[in-house]
C-alpha atoms as a PDB file:
ATOM      1  CA  MET A   1       4.380   0.621 -55.766  1.00  0.00           C
ATOM      2  CA  MET A   2       3.684  -0.856 -52.341  1.00  0.00           C
ATOM      3  CA  ASP A   3       2.525   1.639 -49.707  1.00  0.00           C
ATOM      4  CA  ALA A   4       5.127   2.611 -47.112  1.00  0.00           C
ATOM      5  CA  MET A   5       2.780   1.568 -44.318  1.00  0.00           C
ATOM      6  CA  SER A   6       2.543  -2.036 -45.478  1.00  0.00           C
ATOM      7  CA  ASP A   7       6.051  -2.712 -46.795  1.00  0.00           C
ATOM      8  CA  THR A   8       7.891  -2.882 -43.477  1.00  0.00           C
ATOM      9  CA  THR A   9      10.760  -4.901 -44.964  1.00  0.00           C
ATOM     10  CA  ARG A  10      11.981  -1.895 -46.936  1.00  0.00           C
ATOM     11  CA  TYR A  11      13.557  -0.327 -43.834  1.00  0.00           C
ATOM     12  CA  SER A  12      17.158  -1.270 -43.144  1.00  0.00           C
ATOM     13  CA  PRO A  13      19.185  -1.511 -39.934  1.00  0.00           C
ATOM     14  CA  ASP A  14      20.782   1.776 -41.010  1.00  0.00           C
ATOM     15  CA  ASP A  15      17.348   3.426 -41.082  1.00  0.00           C
ATOM     16  CA  LEU A  16      16.659   2.158 -37.571  1.00  0.00           C
ATOM     17  CA  GLY A  17      20.107   3.228 -36.405  1.00  0.00           C
ATOM     18  CA  ARG A  18      19.548   6.745 -37.702  1.00  0.00           C
ATOM     19  CA  SER A  19      16.258   6.908 -35.809  1.00  0.00           C
ATOM     20  CA  LEU A  20      17.925   5.736 -32.599  1.00  0.00           C
ATOM     21  CA  ARG A  21      20.644   8.370 -32.930  1.00  0.00           C
ATOM     22  CA  GLU A  22      17.954  11.010 -33.451  1.00  0.00           C
ATOM     23  CA  ALA A  23      16.143   9.754 -30.344  1.00  0.00           C
ATOM     24  CA  LEU A  24      19.356  10.121 -28.345  1.00  0.00           C
ATOM     25  CA  ASP A  25      19.798  13.653 -29.711  1.00  0.00           C
ATOM     26  CA  PHE A  26      16.176  14.490 -28.907  1.00  0.00           C
ATOM     27  CA  LEU A  27      16.607  13.937 -25.175  1.00  0.00           C
ATOM     28  CA  VAL A  28      18.873  15.654 -22.688  1.00  0.00           C
ATOM     29  CA  PRO A  29      20.496  13.218 -20.221  1.00  0.00           C
ATOM     30  CA  ASN A  30      18.543  13.299 -16.965  1.00  0.00           C
ATOM     31  CA  GLY A  31      20.275  10.700 -14.811  1.00  0.00           C
ATOM     32  CA  PRO A  32      19.760   6.982 -14.226  1.00  0.00           C
ATOM     33  CA  ASP A  33      16.494   7.361 -12.287  1.00  0.00           C
ATOM     34  CA  HIS A  34      14.692   9.314 -15.004  1.00  0.00           C
ATOM     35  CA  LEU A  35      11.772   7.538 -16.616  1.00  0.00           C
ATOM     36  CA  PRO A  36      12.260   5.943 -20.047  1.00  0.00           C
ATOM     37  CA  ALA A  37      11.163   7.799 -23.177  1.00  0.00           C
ATOM     38  CA  VAL A  38       9.212   5.910 -25.848  1.00  0.00           C
ATOM     39  CA  PHE A  39       8.919   6.836 -29.531  1.00  0.00           C
ATOM     40  CA  ALA A  40       6.782   5.547 -32.374  1.00  0.00           C
ATOM     41  CA  LEU A  41       8.561   5.254 -35.731  1.00  0.00           C
ATOM     42  CA  VAL A  42       6.511   6.337 -38.734  1.00  0.00           C
ATOM     43  CA  PRO A  43       7.592   6.417 -42.393  1.00  0.00           C
ATOM     44  CA  THR A  44       8.512  10.015 -43.134  1.00  0.00           C
ATOM     45  CA  PRO A  45       6.482  10.163 -46.397  1.00  0.00           C
ATOM     46  CA  VAL A  46       3.421   8.867 -44.530  1.00  0.00           C
ATOM     47  CA  LEU A  47       3.846  11.426 -41.749  1.00  0.00           C
ATOM     48  CA  ALA A  48       4.338  14.181 -44.342  1.00  0.00           C
ATOM     49  CA  ARG A  49       0.993  13.270 -45.935  1.00  0.00           C
ATOM     50  CA  MET A  50      -0.860  13.004 -42.636  1.00  0.00           C
ATOM     51  CA  HIS A  51       0.775  15.899 -40.767  1.00  0.00           C
ATOM     52  CA  PRO A  52       2.907  18.009 -43.122  1.00  0.00           C
ATOM     53  CA  GLU A  53       3.518  20.549 -40.374  1.00  0.00           C
ATOM     54  CA  LEU A  54       5.602  17.941 -38.503  1.00  0.00           C
ATOM     55  CA  VAL A  55       8.051  17.211 -41.333  1.00  0.00           C
ATOM     56  CA  ASP A  56      10.799  19.474 -42.625  1.00  0.00           C
ATOM     57  CA  PRO A  57      10.597  19.720 -46.439  1.00  0.00           C
ATOM     58  CA  ASP A  58      14.303  18.835 -46.617  1.00  0.00           C
ATOM     59  CA  ASP A  59      13.991  15.777 -44.362  1.00  0.00           C
ATOM     60  CA  ASP A  60      15.365  12.797 -46.290  1.00  0.00           C
ATOM     61  CA  SER A  61      15.108  10.264 -43.459  1.00  0.00           C
ATOM     62  CA  ALA A  62      13.160   7.074 -44.071  1.00  0.00           C
ATOM     63  CA  LEU A  63      11.577   7.129 -40.616  1.00  0.00           C
ATOM     64  CA  SER A  64      10.415   9.882 -38.289  1.00  0.00           C
ATOM     65  CA  LEU A  65      10.111   9.884 -34.508  1.00  0.00           C
ATOM     66  CA  LEU A  66       6.880  10.608 -32.678  1.00  0.00           C
ATOM     67  CA  ALA A  67       7.276  10.902 -28.910  1.00  0.00           C
ATOM     68  CA  GLU A  68       4.723   8.934 -26.909  1.00  0.00           C
ATOM     69  CA  GLU A  69       3.070  10.324 -23.791  1.00  0.00           C
ATOM     70  CA  PRO A  70       5.384  10.034 -20.765  1.00  0.00           C
ATOM     71  CA  ILE A  71       5.167   6.694 -19.005  1.00  0.00           C
ATOM     72  CA  ALA A  72       3.359   7.023 -15.687  1.00  0.00           C
ATOM     73  CA  PRO A  73       5.851   6.486 -12.854  1.00  0.00           C
ATOM     74  CA  ARG A  74       5.436   3.416 -10.704  1.00  0.00           C
ATOM     75  CA  ALA A  75       6.783   3.700  -7.158  1.00  0.00           C
ATOM     76  CA  ASP A  76       7.201   0.974  -4.586  1.00  0.00           C
ATOM     77  CA  ASP A  77       5.119   0.879  -1.413  1.00  0.00           C
ATOM     78  CA  ASP A  78       7.305   3.430   0.371  1.00  0.00           C
ATOM     79  CA  GLY A  79       8.298   5.571  -2.588  1.00  0.00           C
ATOM     80  CA  ASP A  80       7.014   8.962  -3.645  1.00  0.00           C
ATOM     81  CA  THR A  81       7.431  10.405  -7.105  1.00  0.00           C
ATOM     82  CA  ASP A  82       8.065  14.092  -7.670  1.00  0.00           C
ATOM     83  CA  ASP A  83       6.687  16.255 -10.457  1.00  0.00           C
ATOM     84  CA  ASP A  84       9.606  15.400 -12.757  1.00  0.00           C
ATOM     85  CA  GLY A  85       9.125  11.671 -12.385  1.00  0.00           C
ATOM     86  CA  ASP A  86      12.390  11.272 -10.458  1.00  0.00           C
ATOM     87  CA  THR A  87      12.739   9.343  -7.216  1.00  0.00           C
ATOM     88  CA  ASP A  88      15.097   6.866  -5.661  1.00  0.00           C
ATOM     89  CA  ASP A  89      12.202   4.409  -5.234  1.00  0.00           C
ATOM     90  CA  VAL A  90      10.583   4.648  -8.641  1.00  0.00           C
ATOM     91  CA  GLU A  91      10.598   1.506 -10.778  1.00  0.00           C
ATOM     92  CA  PRO A  92      11.198   2.833 -14.315  1.00  0.00           C
ATOM     93  CA  TYR A  93      11.762  -0.613 -15.784  1.00  0.00           C
ATOM     94  CA  ALA A  94       8.588  -2.018 -14.234  1.00  0.00           C
ATOM     95  CA  ALA A  95       6.663   0.939 -15.660  1.00  0.00           C
ATOM     96  CA  LEU A  96       8.209   0.374 -19.094  1.00  0.00           C
ATOM     97  CA  GLU A  97       7.478  -3.360 -18.990  1.00  0.00           C
ATOM     98  CA  GLU A  98       3.845  -2.675 -18.147  1.00  0.00           C
ATOM     99  CA  PHE A  99       3.594  -0.028 -20.870  1.00  0.00           C
ATOM    100  CA  LEU A 100       4.943  -2.350 -23.560  1.00  0.00           C
ATOM    101  CA  ALA A 101       2.705  -5.198 -22.428  1.00  0.00           C
ATOM    102  CA  THR A 102      -0.450  -3.089 -22.711  1.00  0.00           C
ATOM    103  CA  THR A 103       0.293  -0.791 -25.675  1.00  0.00           C
ATOM    104  CA  SER A 104      -0.632  -1.250 -29.317  1.00  0.00           C
ATOM    105  CA  TRP A 105       0.345   0.997 -32.200  1.00  0.00           C
ATOM    106  CA  PRO A 106      -1.837   1.843 -35.220  1.00  0.00           C
ATOM    107  CA  GLU A 107      -0.917   0.751 -38.735  1.00  0.00           C
ATOM    108  CA  PRO A 108       1.111   3.831 -39.762  1.00  0.00           C
ATOM    109  CA  VAL A 109       3.596   2.966 -37.016  1.00  0.00           C
ATOM    110  CA  VAL A 110       6.243   0.588 -38.387  1.00  0.00           C
ATOM    111  CA  GLY A 111       8.515   0.541 -35.363  1.00  0.00           C
ATOM    112  CA  ALA A 112       9.176   1.739 -31.842  1.00  0.00           C
ATOM    113  CA  ALA A 113      12.148   2.945 -29.827  1.00  0.00           C
ATOM    114  CA  VAL A 114      12.997   3.429 -26.163  1.00  0.00           C
ATOM    115  CA  VAL A 115      15.692   5.614 -24.601  1.00  0.00           C
ATOM    116  CA  LEU A 116      16.832   5.071 -21.015  1.00  0.00           C
ATOM    117  CA  ASP A 117      19.370   6.897 -18.871  1.00  0.00           C
ATOM    118  CA  ILE A 118      21.577   4.279 -17.205  1.00  0.00           C
ATOM    119  CA  VAL A 119      24.976   3.790 -15.605  1.00  0.00           C
ATOM    120  CA  VAL A 120      27.578   1.306 -16.825  1.00  0.00           C
ATOM    121  CA  LEU A 121      30.247  -0.420 -14.759  1.00  0.00           C
ATOM    122  CA  PRO A 122      33.363  -2.434 -15.586  1.00  0.00           C
ATOM    123  CA  PRO A 123      32.736  -6.203 -15.359  1.00  0.00           C
ATOM    124  CA  GLN A 124      34.623  -6.676 -12.095  1.00  0.00           C
ATOM    125  CA  ALA A 125      32.524  -4.009 -10.361  1.00  0.00           C
ATOM    126  CA  GLY A 126      29.453  -6.246 -10.486  1.00  0.00           C
ATOM    127  CA  LEU A 127      30.947  -8.431  -7.765  1.00  0.00           C
ATOM    128  CA  ASP A 128      30.697  -5.534  -5.309  1.00  0.00           C
ATOM    129  CA  LEU A 129      27.080  -4.590  -5.977  1.00  0.00           C
ATOM    130  CA  PRO A 130      25.128  -7.106  -3.846  1.00  0.00           C
ATOM    131  CA  GLU A 131      27.066  -6.177  -0.713  1.00  0.00           C
ATOM    132  CA  ALA A 132      26.874  -2.459  -1.489  1.00  0.00           C
ATOM    133  CA  ALA A 133      23.132  -2.790  -2.085  1.00  0.00           C
ATOM    134  CA  GLY A 134      22.570  -4.252   1.349  1.00  0.00           C
ATOM    135  CA  GLY A 135      22.374  -8.007   1.022  1.00  0.00           C
ATOM    136  CA  ALA A 136      22.902 -11.191  -0.935  1.00  0.00           C
ATOM    137  CA  GLU A 137      19.662 -10.717  -2.901  1.00  0.00           C
ATOM    138  CA  PRO A 138      19.011  -6.958  -3.072  1.00  0.00           C
ATOM    139  CA  ASP A 139      16.011  -5.611  -4.935  1.00  0.00           C
ATOM    140  CA  ALA A 140      16.259  -3.676  -8.195  1.00  0.00           C
ATOM    141  CA  PRO A 141      16.063  -0.125  -6.743  1.00  0.00           C
ATOM    142  CA  ASN A 142      18.869  -0.877  -4.269  1.00  0.00           C
ATOM    143  CA  LEU A 143      21.015  -2.418  -6.993  1.00  0.00           C
ATOM    144  CA  ARG A 144      20.540   0.632  -9.217  1.00  0.00           C
ATOM    145  CA  SER A 145      21.372   2.936  -6.324  1.00  0.00           C
ATOM    146  CA  ALA A 146      24.538   0.965  -5.565  1.00  0.00           C
ATOM    147  CA  ALA A 147      25.527   1.008  -9.238  1.00  0.00           C
ATOM    148  CA  ARG A 148      24.974   4.755  -9.479  1.00  0.00           C
ATOM    149  CA  ASP A 149      27.117   5.391  -6.384  1.00  0.00           C
ATOM    150  CA  HIS A 150      29.936   3.053  -7.435  1.00  0.00           C
ATOM    151  CA  PRO A 151      33.223   4.957  -7.921  1.00  0.00           C
ATOM    152  CA  ASP A 152      33.708   3.394 -11.368  1.00  0.00           C
ATOM    153  CA  ALA A 153      30.178   4.159 -12.580  1.00  0.00           C
ATOM    154  CA  ARG A 154      29.828   6.037 -15.841  1.00  0.00           C
ATOM    155  CA  ALA A 155      26.677   7.725 -17.078  1.00  0.00           C
ATOM    156  CA  ALA A 156      25.281   6.371 -20.328  1.00  0.00           C
ATOM    157  CA  ARG A 157      22.128   6.231 -22.377  1.00  0.00           C
ATOM    158  CA  LEU A 158      20.638   3.173 -23.992  1.00  0.00           C
ATOM    159  CA  ALA A 159      18.525   3.413 -27.142  1.00  0.00           C
ATOM    160  CA  VAL A 160      16.687   0.288 -28.261  1.00  0.00           C
ATOM    161  CA  GLY A 161      14.486  -0.047 -31.334  1.00  0.00           C
ATOM    162  CA  ALA A 162      12.537  -2.617 -33.312  1.00  0.00           C
ATOM    163  CA  LEU A 163      10.661  -2.633 -36.620  1.00  0.00           C
ATOM    164  CA  ARG A 164       7.630  -4.689 -37.577  1.00  0.00           C
ATOM    165  CA  GLY A 165       9.677  -6.429 -40.258  1.00  0.00           C
ATOM    166  CA  GLY A 166      11.945  -7.967 -37.609  1.00  0.00           C
ATOM    167  CA  THR A 167      14.898  -5.557 -37.580  1.00  0.00           C
ATOM    168  CA  ARG A 168      16.183  -4.801 -34.084  1.00  0.00           C
ATOM    169  CA  LEU A 169      19.032  -2.675 -32.768  1.00  0.00           C
ATOM    170  CA  ALA A 170      20.458  -1.311 -29.523  1.00  0.00           C
ATOM    171  CA  LEU A 171      22.904   1.579 -29.173  1.00  0.00           C
ATOM    172  CA  LEU A 172      24.801   2.528 -26.025  1.00  0.00           C
ATOM    173  CA  GLU A 173      26.039   6.107 -25.762  1.00  0.00           C
ATOM    174  CA  LEU A 174      28.581   6.878 -23.071  1.00  0.00           C
ATOM    175  CA  VAL A 175      27.957  10.383 -21.740  1.00  0.00           C
ATOM    176  CA  PRO A 176      31.271  12.288 -21.969  1.00  0.00           C
ATOM    177  CA  ASP A 177      32.609  14.259 -19.026  1.00  0.00           C
ATOM    178  CA  ASP A 178      33.449  17.059 -21.449  1.00  0.00           C
ATOM    179  CA  PRO A 179      30.529  18.119 -23.692  1.00  0.00           C
ATOM    180  CA  ASP A 180      33.032  18.896 -26.459  1.00  0.00           C
ATOM    181  CA  GLU A 181      34.277  15.303 -26.577  1.00  0.00           C
ATOM    182  CA  ALA A 182      33.449  13.189 -29.599  1.00  0.00           C
ATOM    183  CA  ARG A 183      30.353  11.050 -29.347  1.00  0.00           C
ATOM    184  CA  GLU A 184      30.980   7.419 -28.398  1.00  0.00           C
ATOM    185  CA  LEU A 185      28.362   4.901 -29.539  1.00  0.00           C
ATOM    186  CA  ARG A 186      28.561   1.140 -29.086  1.00  0.00           C
ATOM    187  CA  THR A 187      26.380  -1.726 -30.220  1.00  0.00           C
ATOM    188  CA  HIS A 188      26.200  -5.512 -29.996  1.00  0.00           C
ATOM    189  CA  PRO A 189      23.557  -7.977 -31.241  1.00  0.00           C
ATOM    190  CA  ASP A 190      22.907  -9.186 -27.676  1.00  0.00           C
ATOM    191  CA  MET A 191      22.788  -5.744 -26.078  1.00  0.00           C
ATOM    192  CA  ALA A 192      19.482  -5.236 -24.216  1.00  0.00           C
ATOM    193  CA  ALA A 193      18.169  -8.418 -25.837  1.00  0.00           C
ATOM    194  CA  ASP A 194      15.171  -8.638 -23.479  1.00  0.00           C
ATOM    195  CA  LEU A 195      14.109  -5.087 -24.303  1.00  0.00           C
ATOM    196  CA  GLN A 196      14.572  -5.709 -28.025  1.00  0.00           C
ATOM    197  CA  GLN A 197      12.276  -8.719 -27.697  1.00  0.00           C
ATOM    198  CA  ALA A 198       9.710  -6.794 -25.646  1.00  0.00           C
ATOM    199  CA  LEU A 199       9.529  -4.039 -28.268  1.00  0.00           C
ATOM    200  CA  ALA A 200       9.175  -6.572 -31.078  1.00  0.00           C
ATOM    201  CA  ALA A 201       6.419  -8.396 -29.180  1.00  0.00           C
ATOM    202  CA  ALA A 202       4.567  -5.137 -28.541  1.00  0.00           C
ATOM    203  CA  LEU A 203       4.650  -4.320 -32.261  1.00  0.00           C
ATOM    204  CA  ASP A 204       3.442  -7.808 -33.187  1.00  0.00           C
ATOM    205  CA  GLY A 205       0.637  -7.581 -30.635  1.00  0.00           C
END
């Protein structure tokens, strides 16, 4: 029988989707300026052999999450970052891009996932953002600030994952106003396509 570490094609989109839902459950929403969280995905049987204390005996999941060290915040020239990694001037996406471009995962890792706190807007709202952000070509921090302050903005979280075998998936969770509301998850093959590609490239590297 092929070892779980080498047979990456055995993991299905459903396995990846379950891991992404667990990653969303693992984190409490912290707002759109909070730094991204990164997870390594390891076959649960492999993790149970290597670190049995980390796996529940009743865990039947194909993959397990291992949280990576927090990504170091990257502020612009005028920005300061507080102890929680939150600031209006921090560049979370630049920090994530740099992390993925310089990170490699050891062989037991068969996939990776990222969770980001974001805001979503209706399509027509995008026409208002450049002016609200202060110009025809506003920079990314100003655009995010304008999006966050837009009256139609809605808090959401984006979970994106990729496996070494080529499987990729993105899930968008709209954060309900009422914590008792049913969970609302959405997906689309083209959702966060650039981030899906960046994760896949990092795993291949």
